[in-house]
Amino acid sequence: METANKEKQNRAKKRVEELKGFYRHLAVYLVVNSVISIAKIIQNVGNGEAFTDALFDFGTFAVWVFWGIGLAFHAAKTFSYNPFFNRDWEERQIRKFMEEERKETEKFK
């Protein structure tokens, strides 16, 4: 009974650490990309571009986009979102392999 509670507590701690890691990643993403974007806009305006041109330049948002892809994967892992290999898929595969194993053992009886 005590070991079961310990296991639950360890899983809960691990889950909290995963959440903290994701939220740290999100905060760093927002801060760093904001600084990069502001610096890029200031640089472009300083080079003679109009503010709107500097604001909507792809270079201003390139890091947001590419780092955002990585952040999206981190979120999917953290919040257990996997549209391809979800729990139903896992259960179907387990049943399939168990059925194959059962058929194999019946051949030799």
N, C-alpha and C. Protein backbone atom coordinates (compact mmCIF):
# COMPACT_ATOMS: atom_id res chain seq x y z
N MET A 1 0.84 -1.19 0.00
CA MET A 1 0.00 0.00 0.00
C MET A 1 0.87 1.25 0.00
N GLU A 2 1.90 1.23 0.86
CA GLU A 2 2.78 2.39 0.95
C GLU A 2 3.58 2.57 -0.34
N THR A 3 4.01 1.46 -0.96
CA THR A 3 4.77 1.56 -2.21
C THR A 3 3.90 2.10 -3.34
N ALA A 4 2.62 1.74 -3.33
CA ALA A 4 1.71 2.26 -4.35
C ALA A 4 1.56 3.77 -4.20
N ASN A 5 1.45 4.24 -2.95
CA ASN A 5 1.36 5.68 -2.73
C ASN A 5 2.64 6.38 -3.14
N LYS A 6 3.78 5.75 -2.86
CA LYS A 6 5.07 6.32 -3.25
C LYS A 6 5.16 6.44 -4.77
N GLU A 7 4.70 5.40 -5.47
CA GLU A 7 4.73 5.42 -6.93
C GLU A 7 3.83 6.54 -7.47
N LYS A 8 2.64 6.68 -6.88
CA LYS A 8 1.74 7.75 -7.30
C LYS A 8 2.36 9.12 -7.05
N GLN A 9 2.99 9.25 -5.89
CA GLN A 9 3.63 10.51 -5.56
C GLN A 9 4.79 10.81 -6.52
N ASN A 10 5.57 9.80 -6.85
CA ASN A 10 6.68 9.99 -7.79
C ASN A 10 6.18 10.37 -9.18
N ARG A 11 5.09 9.71 -9.63
CA ARG A 11 4.51 10.07 -10.93
C ARG A 11 3.98 11.49 -10.91
N ALA A 12 3.34 11.88 -9.82
CA ALA A 12 2.81 13.24 -9.70
C ALA A 12 3.95 14.26 -9.71
N LYS A 13 5.03 13.96 -8.99
CA LYS A 13 6.19 14.86 -8.99
C LYS A 13 6.78 14.99 -10.38
N LYS A 14 6.89 13.87 -11.08
CA LYS A 14 7.43 13.89 -12.43
C LYS A 14 6.54 14.74 -13.35
N ARG A 15 5.25 14.60 -13.21
CA ARG A 15 4.29 15.37 -14.02
C ARG A 15 4.43 16.87 -13.74
N VAL A 16 4.57 17.22 -12.45
CA VAL A 16 4.74 18.63 -12.08
C VAL A 16 6.04 19.17 -12.66
N GLU A 17 7.10 18.38 -12.64
CA GLU A 17 8.38 18.81 -13.21
C GLU A 17 8.25 19.02 -14.72
N GLU A 18 7.51 18.15 -15.40
CA GLU A 18 7.28 18.32 -16.84
C GLU A 18 6.52 19.61 -17.11
N LEU A 19 5.49 19.88 -16.31
CA LEU A 19 4.73 21.11 -16.48
C LEU A 19 5.60 22.34 -16.23
N LYS A 20 6.39 22.30 -15.15
CA LYS A 20 7.28 23.42 -14.86
C LYS A 20 8.27 23.64 -16.00
N GLY A 21 8.79 22.57 -16.54
CA GLY A 21 9.72 22.67 -17.66
C GLY A 21 9.08 23.30 -18.87
N PHE A 22 7.84 22.90 -19.16
CA PHE A 22 7.15 23.51 -20.30
C PHE A 22 6.90 24.99 -20.07
N TYR A 23 6.42 25.35 -18.88
CA TYR A 23 6.13 26.76 -18.62
C TYR A 23 7.39 27.61 -18.61
N ARG A 24 8.52 27.05 -18.16
CA ARG A 24 9.79 27.77 -18.26
C ARG A 24 10.16 27.98 -19.72
N HIS A 25 10.00 26.94 -20.52
CA HIS A 25 10.30 27.02 -21.94
C HIS A 25 9.42 28.09 -22.59
N LEU A 26 8.15 28.12 -22.24
CA LEU A 26 7.23 29.12 -22.79
C LEU A 26 7.65 30.53 -22.39
N ALA A 27 8.01 30.73 -21.13
CA ALA A 27 8.43 32.05 -20.66
C ALA A 27 9.71 32.51 -21.37
N VAL A 28 10.68 31.61 -21.49
CA VAL A 28 11.92 31.96 -22.19
C VAL A 28 11.63 32.28 -23.65
N TYR A 29 10.77 31.50 -24.27
CA TYR A 29 10.36 31.72 -25.66
C TYR A 29 9.79 33.12 -25.83
N LEU A 30 8.88 33.51 -24.95
CA LEU A 30 8.24 34.82 -25.06
C LEU A 30 9.23 35.96 -24.83
N VAL A 31 10.05 35.84 -23.80
CA VAL A 31 11.00 36.92 -23.47
C VAL A 31 12.06 37.06 -24.55
N VAL A 32 12.71 35.96 -24.90
CA VAL A 32 13.81 36.02 -25.87
C VAL A 32 13.31 36.48 -27.23
N ASN A 33 12.19 35.93 -27.67
CA ASN A 33 11.68 36.33 -28.99
C ASN A 33 11.19 37.77 -29.00
N SER A 34 10.66 38.25 -27.91
CA SER A 34 10.27 39.65 -27.84
C SER A 34 11.49 40.55 -27.97
N VAL A 35 12.55 40.23 -27.26
CA VAL A 35 13.78 41.03 -27.33
C VAL A 35 14.36 40.99 -28.75
N ILE A 36 14.41 39.80 -29.35
CA ILE A 36 14.94 39.67 -30.71
C ILE A 36 14.09 40.48 -31.69
N SER A 37 12.77 40.39 -31.58
CA SER A 37 11.89 41.11 -32.49
C SER A 37 12.03 42.62 -32.33
N ILE A 38 12.08 43.09 -31.10
CA ILE A 38 12.24 44.53 -30.87
C ILE A 38 13.58 45.01 -31.42
N ALA A 39 14.64 44.25 -31.19
CA ALA A 39 15.95 44.63 -31.70
C ALA A 39 15.96 44.65 -33.22
N LYS A 40 15.32 43.66 -33.83
CA LYS A 40 15.26 43.59 -35.30
C LYS A 40 14.47 44.76 -35.87
N ILE A 41 13.36 45.11 -35.24
CA ILE A 41 12.55 46.25 -35.71
C ILE A 41 13.35 47.54 -35.59
N ILE A 42 14.00 47.74 -34.45
CA ILE A 42 14.80 48.96 -34.24
C ILE A 42 15.92 49.03 -35.28
N GLN A 43 16.58 47.91 -35.53
CA GLN A 43 17.66 47.87 -36.52
C GLN A 43 17.13 48.22 -37.91
N ASN A 44 16.00 47.63 -38.29
CA ASN A 44 15.44 47.89 -39.63
C ASN A 44 15.00 49.33 -39.77
N VAL A 45 14.37 49.88 -38.74
CA VAL A 45 13.94 51.28 -38.79
C VAL A 45 15.18 52.18 -38.87
N GLY A 46 16.22 51.82 -38.14
CA GLY A 46 17.47 52.57 -38.18
C GLY A 46 18.13 52.54 -39.55
N ASN A 47 17.87 51.48 -40.31
CA ASN A 47 18.43 51.35 -41.66
C ASN A 47 17.56 52.03 -42.71
N GLY A 48 16.51 52.74 -42.27
CA GLY A 48 15.70 53.50 -43.20
C GLY A 48 14.38 52.87 -43.61
N GLU A 49 14.05 51.71 -43.09
CA GLU A 49 12.76 51.09 -43.42
C GLU A 49 11.64 51.79 -42.65
N ALA A 50 10.45 51.74 -43.21
CA ALA A 50 9.28 52.23 -42.49
C ALA A 50 8.97 51.25 -41.35
N PHE A 51 8.33 51.75 -40.31
CA PHE A 51 8.03 50.90 -39.14
C PHE A 51 7.20 49.69 -39.54
N THR A 52 6.17 49.90 -40.37
CA THR A 52 5.31 48.77 -40.76
C THR A 52 6.08 47.75 -41.58
N ASP A 53 7.00 48.22 -42.45
CA ASP A 53 7.82 47.27 -43.21
C ASP A 53 8.72 46.48 -42.27
N ALA A 54 9.31 47.16 -41.30
CA ALA A 54 10.18 46.49 -40.33
C ALA A 54 9.39 45.51 -39.46
N LEU A 55 8.17 45.91 -39.11
CA LEU A 55 7.33 45.06 -38.26
C LEU A 55 6.92 43.79 -38.96
N PHE A 56 6.55 43.89 -40.22
CA PHE A 56 6.03 42.73 -40.95
C PHE A 56 7.08 42.02 -41.79
N ASP A 57 8.34 42.30 -41.56
CA ASP A 57 9.44 41.61 -42.22
C ASP A 57 9.50 40.17 -41.69
N PHE A 58 9.71 39.20 -42.59
CA PHE A 58 9.75 37.80 -42.14
C PHE A 58 10.86 37.56 -41.13
N GLY A 59 11.97 38.26 -41.31
CA GLY A 59 13.10 38.09 -40.39
C GLY A 59 12.73 38.43 -38.96
N THR A 60 11.75 39.32 -38.81
CA THR A 60 11.32 39.70 -37.46
C THR A 60 10.64 38.53 -36.74
N PHE A 61 9.96 37.70 -37.51
CA PHE A 61 9.18 36.62 -36.89
C PHE A 61 9.72 35.22 -37.19
N ALA A 62 10.83 35.12 -37.90
CA ALA A 62 11.36 33.80 -38.26
C ALA A 62 11.65 32.95 -37.03
N VAL A 63 12.29 33.56 -36.03
CA VAL A 63 12.62 32.79 -34.82
C VAL A 63 11.35 32.37 -34.10
N TRP A 64 10.35 33.26 -34.06
CA TRP A 64 9.06 32.91 -33.44
C TRP A 64 8.50 31.64 -34.10
N VAL A 65 8.54 31.62 -35.42
CA VAL A 65 7.93 30.50 -36.15
C VAL A 65 8.69 29.19 -35.89
N PHE A 66 10.00 29.23 -36.10
CA PHE A 66 10.75 27.98 -36.00
C PHE A 66 10.89 27.48 -34.57
N TRP A 67 11.11 28.38 -33.64
CA TRP A 67 11.17 27.98 -32.24
C TRP A 67 9.77 27.56 -31.79
N GLY A 68 8.75 28.20 -32.33
CA GLY A 68 7.37 27.86 -31.99
C GLY A 68 7.02 26.43 -32.36
N ILE A 69 7.60 25.94 -33.45
CA ILE A 69 7.38 24.55 -33.83
C ILE A 69 7.92 23.62 -32.74
N GLY A 70 9.12 23.92 -32.28
CA GLY A 70 9.69 23.12 -31.19
C GLY A 70 8.87 23.23 -29.92
N LEU A 71 8.38 24.42 -29.62
CA LEU A 71 7.54 24.63 -28.44
C LEU A 71 6.23 23.84 -28.57
N ALA A 72 5.69 23.78 -29.77
CA ALA A 72 4.45 23.02 -29.98
C ALA A 72 4.67 21.53 -29.71
N PHE A 73 5.82 21.01 -30.14
CA PHE A 73 6.13 19.60 -29.85
C PHE A 73 6.31 19.38 -28.34
N HIS A 74 6.94 20.34 -27.67
CA HIS A 74 7.11 20.23 -26.23
C HIS A 74 5.74 20.23 -25.54
N ALA A 75 4.84 21.11 -26.00
CA ALA A 75 3.49 21.16 -25.43
C ALA A 75 2.75 19.84 -25.67
N ALA A 76 2.87 19.30 -26.88
CA ALA A 76 2.20 18.03 -27.19
C ALA A 76 2.69 16.92 -26.27
N LYS A 77 3.98 16.89 -26.01
CA LYS A 77 4.53 15.86 -25.12
C LYS A 77 4.06 16.10 -23.68
N THR A 78 4.14 17.35 -23.24
CA THR A 78 3.78 17.68 -21.86
C THR A 78 2.32 17.39 -21.56
N PHE A 79 1.45 17.74 -22.50
CA PHE A 79 0.02 17.59 -22.26
C PHE A 79 -0.54 16.31 -22.88
N SER A 80 0.35 15.38 -23.21
CA SER A 80 -0.01 14.04 -23.70
C SER A 80 -0.94 14.09 -24.90
N TYR A 81 -0.61 14.97 -25.85
CA TYR A 81 -1.41 15.03 -27.08
C TYR A 81 -0.60 14.39 -28.19
N ASN A 82 -1.08 13.28 -28.68
CA ASN A 82 -0.44 12.60 -29.78
C ASN A 82 -1.52 12.05 -30.69
N PRO A 83 -1.83 12.75 -31.77
CA PRO A 83 -2.93 12.31 -32.62
C PRO A 83 -2.63 11.02 -33.39
N PHE A 84 -1.36 10.64 -33.49
CA PHE A 84 -1.01 9.47 -34.28
C PHE A 84 -0.91 8.20 -33.45
N PHE A 85 -0.28 8.29 -32.31
CA PHE A 85 -0.06 7.10 -31.48
C PHE A 85 -0.72 7.31 -30.12
N ASN A 86 -2.02 7.51 -30.12
CA ASN A 86 -2.73 7.77 -28.87
C ASN A 86 -3.01 6.46 -28.13
N ARG A 87 -3.69 6.57 -27.00
CA ARG A 87 -3.95 5.40 -26.15
C ARG A 87 -4.77 4.34 -26.88
N ASP A 88 -5.74 4.74 -27.70
CA ASP A 88 -6.54 3.76 -28.44
C ASP A 88 -5.66 2.95 -29.39
N TRP A 89 -4.76 3.64 -30.07
CA TRP A 89 -3.85 2.97 -30.98
C TRP A 89 -2.99 1.96 -30.22
N GLU A 90 -2.47 2.39 -29.07
CA GLU A 90 -1.64 1.50 -28.26
C GLU A 90 -2.42 0.26 -27.84
N GLU A 91 -3.64 0.45 -27.39
CA GLU A 91 -4.45 -0.69 -26.95
C GLU A 91 -4.77 -1.63 -28.10
N ARG A 92 -5.06 -1.08 -29.28
CA ARG A 92 -5.31 -1.93 -30.45
C ARG A 92 -4.08 -2.75 -30.81
N GLN A 93 -2.91 -2.10 -30.75
CA GLN A 93 -1.67 -2.81 -31.07
C GLN A 93 -1.38 -3.91 -30.05
N ILE A 94 -1.61 -3.63 -28.79
CA ILE A 94 -1.40 -4.64 -27.74
C ILE A 94 -2.32 -5.83 -27.97
N ARG A 95 -3.60 -5.56 -28.23
CA ARG A 95 -4.55 -6.65 -28.50
C ARG A 95 -4.12 -7.45 -29.73
N LYS A 96 -3.68 -6.74 -30.76
CA LYS A 96 -3.25 -7.40 -31.99
C LYS A 96 -2.07 -8.33 -31.73
N PHE A 97 -1.06 -7.83 -31.01
CA PHE A 97 0.12 -8.66 -30.74
C PHE A 97 -0.21 -9.81 -29.79
N MET A 98 -1.09 -9.59 -28.85
CA MET A 98 -1.49 -10.67 -27.96
C MET A 98 -2.24 -11.75 -28.74
N GLU A 99 -3.09 -11.33 -29.67
CA GLU A 99 -3.83 -12.29 -30.50
C GLU A 99 -2.87 -13.08 -31.39
N GLU A 100 -1.89 -12.41 -31.97
CA GLU A 100 -0.89 -13.11 -32.78
C GLU A 100 -0.11 -14.12 -31.94
N GLU A 101 0.26 -13.71 -30.75
CA GLU A 101 1.00 -14.60 -29.84
C GLU A 101 0.15 -15.82 -29.47
N ARG A 102 -1.13 -15.59 -29.22
CA ARG A 102 -2.04 -16.69 -28.88
C ARG A 102 -2.14 -17.67 -30.03
N LYS A 103 -2.26 -17.14 -31.27
CA LYS A 103 -2.36 -18.02 -32.45
C LYS A 103 -1.08 -18.82 -32.64
N GLU A 104 0.06 -18.19 -32.40
CA GLU A 104 1.35 -18.88 -32.53
C GLU A 104 1.46 -20.03 -31.52
N THR A 105 1.03 -19.79 -30.29
CA THR A 105 1.14 -20.84 -29.27
C THR A 105 0.15 -21.96 -29.55
N GLU A 106 -1.00 -21.66 -30.16
CA GLU A 106 -1.97 -22.71 -30.48
C GLU A 106 -1.46 -23.62 -31.60
N LYS A 107 -0.62 -23.12 -32.48
CA LYS A 107 -0.08 -23.93 -33.56
C LYS A 107 0.72 -25.12 -33.00
N PHE A 108 1.39 -24.90 -31.88
CA PHE A 108 2.29 -25.91 -31.34
C PHE A 108 1.62 -26.81 -30.31
N LYS A 109 0.33 -26.68 -30.11
CA LYS A 109 -0.37 -27.55 -29.15
C LYS A 109 -0.86 -28.79 -29.81
